[in-house]
Amino acid sequence: MLLSYHPMKIADAEKIVTWKYENEYTMYSFSESNEDIQELMNGEYFSVLNELERVVGFICCGQSARVPGGTSIGLYQEEGYLDIGLGLDPDLTGQKKGSVFLKQSLVFLQNQFNSSHFRLVVATFNERAIKVYERTGFKRDKEFYSKVNGEDMLFISMKMEMPCYSFEEISEQNLTEVREIYNYYVSNTTISFHTEELTLEEIKASVMNRNPRFKSFVIKEEKEIQGYVLITQYKSKQAYDFSGEVTIYLKPDIVGKGIGGTALRFIEDVAREQGFYTLIATVCMENTRSKTLFEKHGYEQCAMFKGVGYKFDRRLDIGSFQKVL
């Protein structure tokens, strides 16, 4: 489920207020009143659309995400956190889509507000949501009561600090670390089709293109390099000038932590700025993690080449995955 985020529109608000949650979750339902629509249109809400541009959820931030009882105990006096709230279409709840919804929402909020510290509040009976939050990295904080329909209800605040990643163009000072990352995949995996480790000069030629349109970046968490991402030439003939090949390599111990998606979104923005029409990723079909990453972000498999690689005593297939920007 690939999601996109947009400032709330009146048509989306009118749809959201018709959602009805059942059983103990009825407190999350709107009343379909003009007041509820105006709340959704106050500038702090974003509608969330799926690949078919159907509204599947919403997120809010700031004052709209705060609970009165939290104000009473001084919860919001602790600065440095972006207060957030989320709502998923009730037709999609209980289908294990909450985790994907939450993770993509956090990446959007991180980019939108340049914040990596998040706080939310949830009713303690909603263990289903709490489990999703905890699996994503939120930690339980303070419990407090707040009025809901005239009755006291117990809530808990939860906080999360996301790693903050930055991107810097690859320089000669980065080459040793970049080489170490790449050569791990050469020696231990079929992700790279090199069979012998690259020298510094070879890695320099690979990642530092003289053509300024083909950009390469190290991915940093704080000051530590965690990987690199680049756009290279897809083919040399001039008619291919608006097509690029995208490549991402991460340190093996941080794979699966969401950095790949962040890097991919970043390099796609760079590609658009450089005038590229489409990006293509070449993936060894044994590498299911990369295949899933690209498909999750809108890349479609456009080609399959059987047995074109040979490494570790076996034939290897590669697939091409394309996204029109």
Protein backbone atom coordinates (compact mmCIF):
# COMPACT_ATOMS: atom_id res chain seq x y z
CA MET A 1 0.00 0.00 0.00
CA LEU A 2 1.72 3.14 -1.28
CA LEU A 3 0.27 6.29 0.27
CA SER A 4 0.34 9.97 -0.64
CA TYR A 5 -0.37 12.92 1.63
CA HIS A 6 -2.19 16.15 0.80
CA PRO A 7 -3.55 19.15 2.70
CA MET A 8 -7.14 18.34 3.59
CA LYS A 9 -9.70 19.18 0.90
CA ILE A 10 -13.38 19.76 1.57
CA ALA A 11 -14.39 16.70 -0.49
CA ASP A 12 -12.05 14.50 1.55
CA ALA A 13 -13.35 15.96 4.82
CA GLU A 14 -16.95 15.29 3.79
CA LYS A 15 -16.01 11.68 3.09
CA ILE A 16 -14.09 11.17 6.35
CA VAL A 17 -16.91 12.42 8.59
CA THR A 18 -19.14 9.61 7.27
CA TRP A 19 -16.79 6.90 8.56
CA LYS A 20 -18.32 4.88 11.39
CA TYR A 21 -16.28 2.80 13.81
CA GLU A 22 -17.96 -0.07 15.61
CA ASN A 23 -18.13 -1.42 19.17
CA GLU A 24 -15.69 0.19 21.61
CA TYR A 25 -14.16 2.24 18.79
CA THR A 26 -17.29 4.36 18.24
CA MET A 27 -15.58 7.24 20.08
CA TYR A 28 -13.44 7.72 16.96
CA SER A 29 -16.47 8.31 14.70
CA PHE A 30 -17.33 11.81 13.54
CA SER A 31 -20.83 13.26 13.76
CA GLU A 32 -21.07 14.46 10.12
CA SER A 33 -21.68 17.96 11.44
CA ASN A 34 -20.39 21.17 9.90
CA GLU A 35 -18.28 21.61 13.03
CA ASP A 36 -16.47 18.33 12.36
CA ILE A 37 -15.86 19.30 8.74
CA GLN A 38 -14.48 22.66 9.82
CA GLU A 39 -12.22 20.89 12.33
CA LEU A 40 -10.78 18.78 9.52
CA MET A 41 -10.29 21.94 7.43
CA ASN A 42 -8.42 23.92 10.11
CA GLY A 43 -5.05 23.59 8.37
CA GLU A 44 -3.61 20.93 10.68
CA TYR A 45 -5.05 17.89 8.88
CA PHE A 46 -3.79 15.96 5.87
CA SER A 47 -5.79 13.47 3.84
CA VAL A 48 -4.09 10.18 2.98
CA LEU A 49 -4.74 8.61 -0.43
CA ASN A 50 -3.89 5.17 -1.78
CA GLU A 51 -2.59 4.31 -5.26
CA LEU A 52 -6.12 4.69 -6.67
CA GLU A 53 -6.37 8.18 -5.11
CA ARG A 54 -9.05 6.97 -2.70
CA VAL A 55 -9.10 8.53 0.77
CA VAL A 56 -7.97 5.83 3.21
CA GLY A 57 -7.02 7.89 6.24
CA PHE A 58 -6.00 11.20 7.71
CA ILE A 59 -3.30 12.58 9.97
CA CYS A 60 -3.23 15.72 12.08
CA CYS A 61 -0.59 17.58 14.02
CA GLY A 62 -0.17 20.34 16.55
CA GLN A 63 -3.13 21.48 18.63
CA SER A 64 -5.53 19.23 16.73
CA ALA A 65 -3.65 16.16 17.98
CA ARG A 66 -3.77 17.15 21.65
CA VAL A 67 -6.15 15.79 24.30
CA PRO A 68 -7.54 18.19 26.97
CA GLY A 69 -6.57 15.90 29.85
CA GLY A 70 -2.96 16.01 28.68
CA THR A 71 -3.00 19.78 28.91
CA SER A 72 -4.26 19.53 32.49
CA ILE A 73 -1.26 17.44 33.61
CA GLY A 74 1.26 19.60 31.74
CA LEU A 75 2.01 16.95 29.11
CA TYR A 76 2.46 19.48 26.34
CA GLN A 77 4.82 21.72 28.29
CA GLU A 78 7.64 19.37 27.27
CA GLU A 79 8.83 20.97 24.05
CA GLY A 80 10.65 19.41 21.14
CA TYR A 81 7.93 16.92 20.11
CA LEU A 82 5.50 17.15 17.22
CA ASP A 83 2.07 16.06 18.46
CA ILE A 84 0.36 13.82 15.91
CA GLY A 85 -2.91 11.97 15.46
CA LEU A 86 -3.95 9.37 12.90
CA GLY A 87 -7.17 7.88 11.61
CA LEU A 88 -7.61 4.93 9.23
CA ASP A 89 -10.71 4.13 7.19
CA PRO A 90 -12.71 1.71 9.40
CA ASP A 91 -13.06 -0.65 6.42
CA LEU A 92 -9.28 -1.14 6.58
CA THR A 93 -8.84 -1.57 10.34
CA GLY A 94 -7.98 -5.02 11.66
CA GLN A 95 -6.30 -5.97 8.36
CA LYS A 96 -2.68 -5.40 9.47
CA LYS A 97 -2.48 -2.20 7.43
CA GLY A 98 -1.95 0.03 10.46
CA SER A 99 1.80 -0.50 10.57
CA VAL A 100 2.30 0.49 6.93
CA PHE A 101 0.02 3.50 7.40
CA LEU A 102 1.91 4.64 10.51
CA LYS A 103 5.42 4.19 9.07
CA GLN A 104 4.67 6.05 5.85
CA SER A 105 2.92 8.79 7.82
CA LEU A 106 5.95 9.28 10.05
CA VAL A 107 8.26 9.62 7.05
CA PHE A 108 5.92 12.22 5.54
CA LEU A 109 5.72 14.17 8.81
CA GLN A 110 9.48 14.01 9.25
CA ASN A 111 10.01 15.51 5.80
CA GLN A 112 7.12 17.97 6.04
CA PHE A 113 8.02 19.44 9.43
CA ASN A 114 11.73 18.61 9.67
CA SER A 115 11.00 16.80 12.94
CA SER A 116 12.15 13.42 14.19
CA HIS A 117 10.54 13.57 17.67
CA PHE A 118 6.89 12.54 17.76
CA ARG A 119 4.24 12.28 20.49
CA LEU A 120 0.74 10.85 20.32
CA VAL A 121 -2.04 10.00 22.76
CA VAL A 122 -4.21 6.88 22.66
CA ALA A 123 -7.00 5.47 24.85
CA THR A 124 -5.56 2.65 26.96
CA PHE A 125 -8.33 0.23 25.94
CA ASN A 126 -7.10 0.46 22.33
CA GLU A 127 -4.46 -2.24 22.70
CA ARG A 128 -4.60 -2.94 18.97
CA ALA A 129 -3.30 0.54 18.19
CA ILE A 130 -0.83 0.53 21.08
CA LYS A 131 0.78 -2.66 19.76
CA VAL A 132 1.21 -1.07 16.33
CA TYR A 133 2.78 2.02 17.88
CA GLU A 134 5.16 -0.04 20.01
CA ARG A 135 6.25 -2.21 17.09
CA THR A 136 7.08 0.98 15.20
CA GLY A 137 9.22 2.31 18.04
CA PHE A 138 6.92 4.40 20.26
CA LYS A 139 7.45 4.11 24.02
CA ARG A 140 4.75 4.42 26.68
CA ASP A 141 4.98 7.63 28.68
CA LYS A 142 2.29 9.12 30.96
CA GLU A 143 -1.24 7.98 31.79
CA PHE A 144 -4.02 10.49 32.47
CA TYR A 145 -7.79 10.86 32.35
CA SER A 146 -9.71 13.03 29.91
CA LYS A 147 -13.45 13.53 29.37
CA VAL A 148 -15.09 11.66 26.46
CA ASN A 149 -18.85 12.13 26.08
CA GLY A 150 -18.98 13.39 29.67
CA GLU A 151 -17.14 10.42 31.20
CA ASP A 152 -13.55 10.04 32.33
CA MET A 153 -11.47 7.84 30.02
CA LEU A 154 -7.90 6.69 30.63
CA PHE A 155 -5.33 7.71 28.01
CA ILE A 156 -1.61 7.16 27.61
CA SER A 157 0.91 9.33 25.82
CA MET A 158 3.60 7.66 23.71
CA LYS A 159 6.80 9.16 22.33
CA MET A 160 9.22 8.26 19.57
CA GLU A 161 12.52 9.65 18.35
CA MET A 162 13.21 8.70 14.73
CA PRO A 163 16.75 8.61 13.41
CA CYS A 164 17.52 11.74 11.42
CA TYR A 165 19.15 11.03 8.06
CA SER A 166 20.97 13.47 5.84
CA PHE A 167 22.40 13.19 2.35
CA GLU A 168 25.74 14.58 1.19
CA GLU A 169 27.28 14.31 -2.25
CA ILE A 170 29.99 11.66 -2.29
CA SER A 171 33.49 13.05 -2.02
CA GLU A 172 36.89 11.40 -2.15
CA GLN A 173 36.96 11.37 1.66
CA ASN A 174 33.94 9.02 1.62
CA LEU A 175 35.38 6.50 -0.82
CA THR A 176 36.96 4.14 1.71
CA GLU A 177 33.67 3.70 3.60
CA VAL A 178 31.67 3.44 0.38
CA ARG A 179 34.08 0.78 -0.85
CA GLU A 180 33.71 -1.22 2.38
CA ILE A 181 29.93 -1.17 2.07
CA TYR A 182 29.94 -2.23 -1.56
CA ASN A 183 32.60 -4.92 -1.20
CA TYR A 184 30.58 -6.64 1.53
CA TYR A 185 27.91 -7.31 -1.09
CA VAL A 186 30.54 -8.40 -3.62
CA SER A 187 32.01 -11.02 -1.28
CA ASN A 188 28.88 -12.25 0.50
CA THR A 189 25.82 -11.83 -1.71
CA THR A 190 24.40 -12.01 -5.22
CA ILE A 191 23.12 -8.44 -4.87
CA SER A 192 26.28 -7.28 -6.65
CA PHE A 193 27.33 -9.11 -9.81
CA HIS A 194 30.99 -8.28 -9.24
CA THR A 195 32.87 -11.39 -8.16
CA GLU A 196 36.05 -9.62 -7.03
CA GLU A 197 36.28 -6.70 -4.62
CA LEU A 198 36.76 -3.24 -6.12
CA THR A 199 39.79 -1.02 -5.54
CA LEU A 200 39.45 2.59 -4.47
CA GLU A 201 39.99 3.75 -8.03
CA GLU A 202 37.32 1.39 -9.32
CA ILE A 203 34.79 2.47 -6.71
CA LYS A 204 35.58 6.11 -7.50
CA ALA A 205 34.83 5.53 -11.18
CA SER A 206 31.62 3.75 -10.17
CA VAL A 207 30.12 6.41 -7.88
CA MET A 208 31.66 9.74 -8.93
CA ASN A 209 30.37 10.50 -12.41
CA ARG A 210 31.87 13.49 -14.21
CA ASN A 211 28.48 14.29 -15.71
CA PRO A 212 26.79 16.62 -13.18
CA ARG A 213 23.35 15.19 -13.97
CA PHE A 214 24.30 11.84 -12.44
CA LYS A 215 24.30 12.44 -8.70
CA SER A 216 25.62 10.24 -5.88
CA PHE A 217 25.12 10.73 -2.14
CA VAL A 218 26.22 9.15 1.11
CA ILE A 219 23.44 8.56 3.63
CA LYS A 220 24.35 9.81 7.11
CA GLU A 221 22.81 9.26 10.52
CA GLU A 222 24.31 11.97 12.70
CA LYS A 223 27.90 11.91 11.30
CA GLU A 224 28.10 8.21 10.49
CA ILE A 225 27.76 6.93 6.93
CA GLN A 226 25.07 4.24 6.74
CA GLY A 227 25.00 3.73 2.98
CA TYR A 228 24.88 5.49 -0.34
CA VAL A 229 22.45 6.13 -3.20
CA LEU A 230 23.08 7.23 -6.76
CA ILE A 231 21.69 7.86 -10.22
CA THR A 232 23.84 6.52 -13.05
CA GLN A 233 23.55 6.50 -16.81
CA TYR A 234 21.05 3.92 -18.03
CA LYS A 235 22.45 3.64 -21.57
CA SER A 236 24.97 5.79 -23.44
CA LYS A 237 22.98 6.63 -26.60
CA GLN A 238 21.56 10.16 -26.55
CA ALA A 239 17.90 9.14 -26.76
CA TYR A 240 18.26 7.60 -23.28
CA ASP A 241 19.29 10.94 -21.71
CA PHE A 242 16.04 11.27 -19.75
CA SER A 243 16.31 7.78 -18.21
CA GLY A 244 18.49 6.98 -15.21
CA GLU A 245 19.41 3.92 -13.20
CA VAL A 246 18.91 4.10 -9.43
CA THR A 247 21.08 2.14 -6.99
CA ILE A 248 21.04 1.94 -3.18
CA TYR A 249 23.54 0.16 -0.92
CA LEU A 250 23.25 0.15 2.89
CA LYS A 251 25.42 -1.21 5.65
CA PRO A 252 24.18 -4.78 6.16
CA ASP A 253 23.36 -4.29 9.86
CA ILE A 254 20.86 -1.49 9.19
CA VAL A 255 18.93 -3.09 6.34
CA GLY A 256 15.20 -3.28 7.11
CA LYS A 257 15.02 -0.09 9.20
CA GLY A 258 13.29 2.10 6.61
CA ILE A 259 16.38 3.92 5.38
CA GLY A 260 16.01 2.49 1.88
CA GLY A 261 12.61 4.10 1.40
CA THR A 262 13.88 7.45 2.68
CA ALA A 263 16.86 7.29 0.32
CA LEU A 264 14.67 6.32 -2.61
CA ARG A 265 12.28 9.23 -2.09
CA PHE A 266 15.26 11.59 -1.79
CA ILE A 267 16.96 10.44 -4.98
CA GLU A 268 13.68 10.58 -6.92
CA ASP A 269 13.37 14.27 -5.99
CA VAL A 270 16.94 14.79 -7.18
CA ALA A 271 16.15 12.99 -10.44
CA ARG A 272 13.14 15.22 -11.07
CA GLU A 273 15.27 18.32 -10.49
CA GLN A 274 17.79 16.98 -13.03
CA GLY A 275 15.06 16.51 -15.63
CA PHE A 276 14.81 12.72 -15.65
CA TYR A 277 11.57 11.22 -16.92
CA THR A 278 11.99 7.72 -15.53
CA LEU A 279 14.19 5.70 -13.19
CA ILE A 280 15.07 2.03 -13.60
CA ALA A 281 16.39 -0.35 -10.94
CA THR A 282 18.18 -3.58 -11.81
CA VAL A 283 17.64 -6.27 -9.16
CA CYS A 284 18.87 -9.83 -8.80
CA MET A 285 15.65 -11.77 -8.37
CA GLU A 286 17.07 -13.58 -5.34
CA ASN A 287 17.12 -10.19 -3.61
CA THR A 288 13.51 -10.17 -2.46
CA ARG A 289 14.09 -7.28 -0.03
CA SER A 290 15.13 -4.89 -2.83
CA LYS A 291 12.35 -6.16 -5.09
CA THR A 292 9.82 -5.41 -2.34
CA LEU A 293 11.34 -1.96 -1.69
CA PHE A 294 11.02 -0.83 -5.28
CA GLU A 295 7.54 -2.29 -5.78
CA LYS A 296 6.35 -0.66 -2.55
CA HIS A 297 7.44 2.72 -3.92
CA GLY A 298 5.67 2.43 -7.24
CA TYR A 299 8.22 0.67 -9.45
CA GLU A 300 6.78 -1.89 -11.86
CA GLN A 301 8.68 -4.88 -13.19
CA CYS A 302 9.19 -4.23 -16.89
CA ALA A 303 11.69 -6.95 -17.85
CA MET A 304 13.13 -10.30 -16.74
CA PHE A 305 16.40 -11.79 -17.92
CA LYS A 306 16.88 -15.48 -17.17
CA GLY A 307 20.25 -16.85 -16.12
CA VAL A 308 22.28 -13.83 -17.24
CA GLY A 309 24.42 -13.90 -14.08
CA TYR A 310 26.62 -16.63 -12.66
CA LYS A 311 27.97 -16.40 -9.13
CA PHE A 312 28.48 -18.80 -6.23
CA ASP A 313 28.04 -21.75 -8.62
CA ARG A 314 24.52 -20.88 -9.73
CA ARG A 315 22.70 -19.09 -12.54
CA LEU A 316 21.02 -15.85 -11.58
CA ASP A 317 18.03 -13.99 -13.00
CA ILE A 318 17.74 -10.22 -12.99
CA GLY A 319 14.66 -8.03 -13.22
CA SER A 320 14.25 -4.43 -14.30
CA PHE A 321 11.86 -2.24 -12.31
CA GLN A 322 10.73 1.10 -13.70
CA LYS A 323 9.01 4.17 -12.30
CA VAL A 324 7.87 7.13 -14.38
CA LEU A 325 8.51 10.25 -12.35
